[in-house]
C-alpha atoms as a PDB file:
ATOM      1  CA  GLN A   1     -31.217  47.500  27.835  1.00  0.00           C
ATOM      2  CA  VAL A   2     -28.068  48.469  26.193  1.00  0.00           C
ATOM      3  CA  ARG A   3     -24.970  49.040  28.330  1.00  0.00           C
ATOM      4  CA  LEU A   4     -21.713  50.649  27.216  1.00  0.00           C
ATOM      5  CA  VAL A   5     -18.535  50.269  29.232  1.00  0.00           C
ATOM      6  CA  GLU A   6     -15.401  52.300  28.524  1.00  0.00           C
ATOM      7  CA  SER A   7     -11.812  51.267  29.405  1.00  0.00           C
ATOM      8  CA  GLY A   8      -8.414  51.868  28.697  1.00  0.00           C
ATOM      9  CA  GLY A   9      -8.092  55.439  29.781  1.00  0.00           C
ATOM     10  CA  GLY A  10      -5.052  56.729  32.100  1.00  0.00           C
ATOM     11  CA  LEU A  11      -2.215  59.034  32.491  1.00  0.00           C
ATOM     12  CA  VAL A  12       0.414  59.163  29.386  1.00  0.00           C
ATOM     13  CA  GLN A  13       3.140  61.724  28.339  1.00  0.00           C
ATOM     14  CA  ALA A  14       2.765  63.904  25.399  1.00  0.00           C
ATOM     15  CA  GLY A  15       3.576  62.056  22.264  1.00  0.00           C
ATOM     16  CA  GLY A  16       2.495  58.687  23.645  1.00  0.00           C
ATOM     17  CA  SER A  17      -0.629  56.519  22.678  1.00  0.00           C
ATOM     18  CA  LEU A  18      -3.417  54.786  24.294  1.00  0.00           C
ATOM     19  CA  ARG A  19      -6.222  52.691  23.079  1.00  0.00           C
ATOM     20  CA  LEU A  20      -9.730  52.863  24.375  1.00  0.00           C
ATOM     21  CA  SER A  21     -12.394  50.162  24.109  1.00  0.00           C
ATOM     22  CA  CYS A  22     -16.026  50.409  24.580  1.00  0.00           C
ATOM     23  CA  ALA A  23     -17.684  47.178  25.114  1.00  0.00           C
ATOM     24  CA  ALA A  24     -21.520  47.016  24.509  1.00  0.00           C
ATOM     25  CA  SER A  25     -24.183  44.624  25.548  1.00  0.00           C
ATOM     26  CA  GLY A  26     -27.367  43.684  23.811  1.00  0.00           C
ATOM     27  CA  PRO A  27     -28.095  42.563  20.091  1.00  0.00           C
ATOM     28  CA  THR A  28     -28.145  46.007  18.491  1.00  0.00           C
ATOM     29  CA  PHE A  29     -24.549  46.772  18.243  1.00  0.00           C
ATOM     30  CA  SER A  30     -23.789  45.593  14.983  1.00  0.00           C
ATOM     31  CA  SER A  31     -26.698  47.538  13.467  1.00  0.00           C
ATOM     32  CA  ALA A  32     -25.565  50.834  15.015  1.00  0.00           C
ATOM     33  CA  ALA A  33     -23.360  53.418  14.255  1.00  0.00           C
ATOM     34  CA  MET A  34     -20.933  54.101  17.250  1.00  0.00           C
ATOM     35  CA  PHE A  35     -19.107  57.241  18.272  1.00  0.00           C
ATOM     36  CA  TRP A  36     -16.532  58.589  20.703  1.00  0.00           C
ATOM     37  CA  PHE A  37     -16.958  62.154  22.349  1.00  0.00           C
ATOM     38  CA  ARG A  38     -14.871  63.845  24.825  1.00  0.00           C
ATOM     39  CA  GLN A  39     -15.615  66.411  27.557  1.00  0.00           C
ATOM     40  CA  ALA A  40     -12.636  68.326  29.189  1.00  0.00           C
ATOM     41  CA  PRO A  41     -13.131  70.317  32.518  1.00  0.00           C
ATOM     42  CA  GLY A  42     -15.089  73.463  31.982  1.00  0.00           C
ATOM     43  CA  LYS A  43     -15.840  72.621  28.439  1.00  0.00           C
ATOM     44  CA  GLU A  44     -18.773  71.149  26.388  1.00  0.00           C
ATOM     45  CA  ARG A  45     -19.059  67.585  25.282  1.00  0.00           C
ATOM     46  CA  GLU A  46     -17.518  67.657  21.842  1.00  0.00           C
ATOM     47  CA  PHE A  47     -17.508  65.178  18.933  1.00  0.00           C
ATOM     48  CA  VAL A  48     -14.285  62.999  18.332  1.00  0.00           C
ATOM     49  CA  ALA A  49     -15.036  60.312  15.797  1.00  0.00           C
ATOM     50  CA  ALA A  50     -17.733  58.079  14.333  1.00  0.00           C
ATOM     51  CA  ILE A  51     -17.843  54.833  12.516  1.00  0.00           C
ATOM     52  CA  SER A  52     -20.676  53.355  10.486  1.00  0.00           C
ATOM     53  CA  ALA A  53     -22.463  50.059  11.566  1.00  0.00           C
ATOM     54  CA  SER A  54     -20.359  48.133   9.095  1.00  0.00           C
ATOM     55  CA  GLY A  55     -17.311  49.852   9.936  1.00  0.00           C
ATOM     56  CA  GLY A  56     -17.057  51.070   6.148  1.00  0.00           C
ATOM     57  CA  THR A  57     -17.433  54.649   6.825  1.00  0.00           C
ATOM     58  CA  THR A  58     -15.366  56.863   9.223  1.00  0.00           C
ATOM     59  CA  TYR A  59     -14.843  60.393  10.114  1.00  0.00           C
ATOM     60  CA  TYR A  60     -13.215  62.590  12.747  1.00  0.00           C
ATOM     61  CA  ALA A  61     -13.128  65.815  14.310  1.00  0.00           C
ATOM     62  CA  ASP A  62     -10.452  68.294  12.742  1.00  0.00           C
ATOM     63  CA  SER A  63      -8.577  68.255  16.147  1.00  0.00           C
ATOM     64  CA  VAL A  64      -7.750  64.564  16.198  1.00  0.00           C
ATOM     65  CA  LYS A  65      -7.701  63.739  12.363  1.00  0.00           C
ATOM     66  CA  GLY A  66      -4.354  61.972  11.509  1.00  0.00           C
ATOM     67  CA  ARG A  67      -3.790  60.957  15.143  1.00  0.00           C
ATOM     68  CA  PHE A  68      -6.973  59.071  16.092  1.00  0.00           C
ATOM     69  CA  THR A  69      -8.211  55.872  14.633  1.00  0.00           C
ATOM     70  CA  ILE A  70     -11.697  54.482  15.393  1.00  0.00           C
ATOM     71  CA  SER A  71     -12.535  50.844  14.605  1.00  0.00           C
ATOM     72  CA  ARG A  72     -15.078  48.189  15.570  1.00  0.00           C
ATOM     73  CA  ASP A  73     -15.253  44.453  16.117  1.00  0.00           C
ATOM     74  CA  ASN A  74     -18.986  43.552  15.579  1.00  0.00           C
ATOM     75  CA  ALA A  75     -18.181  39.891  16.601  1.00  0.00           C
ATOM     76  CA  LYS A  76     -17.128  41.310  20.023  1.00  0.00           C
ATOM     77  CA  ASN A  77     -19.737  44.127  20.437  1.00  0.00           C
ATOM     78  CA  THR A  78     -16.551  46.444  20.699  1.00  0.00           C
ATOM     79  CA  VAL A  79     -15.640  49.724  19.309  1.00  0.00           C
ATOM     80  CA  TYR A  80     -12.117  51.096  19.482  1.00  0.00           C
ATOM     81  CA  LEU A  81     -10.282  54.412  19.797  1.00  0.00           C
ATOM     82  CA  GLN A  82      -6.597  54.258  18.983  1.00  0.00           C
ATOM     83  CA  MET A  83      -5.009  57.558  20.073  1.00  0.00           C
ATOM     84  CA  ASP A  84      -1.559  58.273  18.867  1.00  0.00           C
ATOM     85  CA  ILE A  85       0.770  61.541  19.117  1.00  0.00           C
ATOM     86  CA  LEU A  86      -1.392  62.364  22.209  1.00  0.00           C
ATOM     87  CA  LYS A  87      -1.360  66.117  23.204  1.00  0.00           C
ATOM     88  CA  PRO A  88      -2.168  67.859  26.694  1.00  0.00           C
ATOM     89  CA  GLU A  89      -5.155  69.361  25.009  1.00  0.00           C
ATOM     90  CA  ASP A  90      -6.630  65.787  24.572  1.00  0.00           C
ATOM     91  CA  THR A  91      -7.042  65.573  28.316  1.00  0.00           C
ATOM     92  CA  ALA A  92     -10.735  64.838  28.822  1.00  0.00           C
ATOM     93  CA  VAL A  93     -13.195  62.081  29.978  1.00  0.00           C
ATOM     94  CA  TYR A  94     -14.024  60.005  26.797  1.00  0.00           C
ATOM     95  CA  TYR A  95     -17.366  58.696  26.276  1.00  0.00           C
ATOM     96  CA  CYS A  96     -18.913  56.308  23.657  1.00  0.00           C
ATOM     97  CA  ALA A  97     -22.404  56.447  22.305  1.00  0.00           C
ATOM     98  CA  GLN A  98     -24.351  54.006  20.403  1.00  0.00           C
ATOM     99  CA  GLY A  99     -26.339  55.569  17.306  1.00  0.00           C
ATOM    100  CA  MET A 100     -29.723  55.106  16.594  1.00  0.00           C
ATOM    101  CA  SER A 101     -29.058  54.225  12.990  1.00  0.00           C
ATOM    102  CA  ARG A 102     -26.450  52.551  10.926  1.00  0.00           C
ATOM    103  CA  ASN A 103     -25.428  56.010   9.671  1.00  0.00           C
ATOM    104  CA  ALA A 104     -22.243  57.316  11.057  1.00  0.00           C
ATOM    105  CA  TYR A 105     -23.391  60.876   9.878  1.00  0.00           C
ATOM    106  CA  ALA A 106     -26.944  60.629  11.711  1.00  0.00           C
ATOM    107  CA  ARG A 107     -26.013  62.456  15.019  1.00  0.00           C
ATOM    108  CA  SER A 108     -28.751  60.670  16.852  1.00  0.00           C
ATOM    109  CA  TYR A 109     -27.536  58.720  20.070  1.00  0.00           C
ATOM    110  CA  ALA A 110     -29.680  55.964  21.791  1.00  0.00           C
ATOM    111  CA  TYR A 111     -27.146  55.174  24.745  1.00  0.00           C
ATOM    112  CA  TRP A 112     -24.120  56.644  26.195  1.00  0.00           C
ATOM    113  CA  GLY A 113     -21.340  54.999  28.404  1.00  0.00           C
ATOM    114  CA  GLN A 114     -20.043  56.414  31.668  1.00  0.00           C
ATOM    115  CA  GLY A 115     -16.747  57.741  30.407  1.00  0.00           C
ATOM    116  CA  THR A 116     -13.071  56.934  31.079  1.00  0.00           C
ATOM    117  CA  GLN A 117     -10.548  59.678  31.838  1.00  0.00           C
ATOM    118  CA  VAL A 118      -7.546  60.434  29.798  1.00  0.00           C
ATOM    119  CA  THR A 119      -4.767  62.487  30.967  1.00  0.00           C
ATOM    120  CA  VAL A 120      -1.826  63.707  28.709  1.00  0.00           C
ATOM    121  CA  SER A 121       0.971  65.156  30.627  1.00  0.00           C
ATOM    122  CA  SER A 122       3.179  67.731  29.118  1.00  0.00           C
END
């Protein structure tokens, strides 16, 4: 059974930065694409970023492009989300998800983490 544990959330002022981590258990991490999603109060969960199993392919939601960077360390079974130039509208619970394939564009998810809260004050 794969377990995903997010960390690194917190309270930050607008314009600041945070780095989220998602640590995965189990042997399948390095063969799976990884994703970050977020859900703000009263809104649906939305896609933020994706990275292929090798790390060679990444893509982002338009709302975070140029400000957020997804990366992974397969030796540590961890995926990261570096968030810069944060805005109040980035406030949400951030979730990581493990994909069912190596392909970052295949939107199928096998496992989800429990989420970490990010709050950006104006």
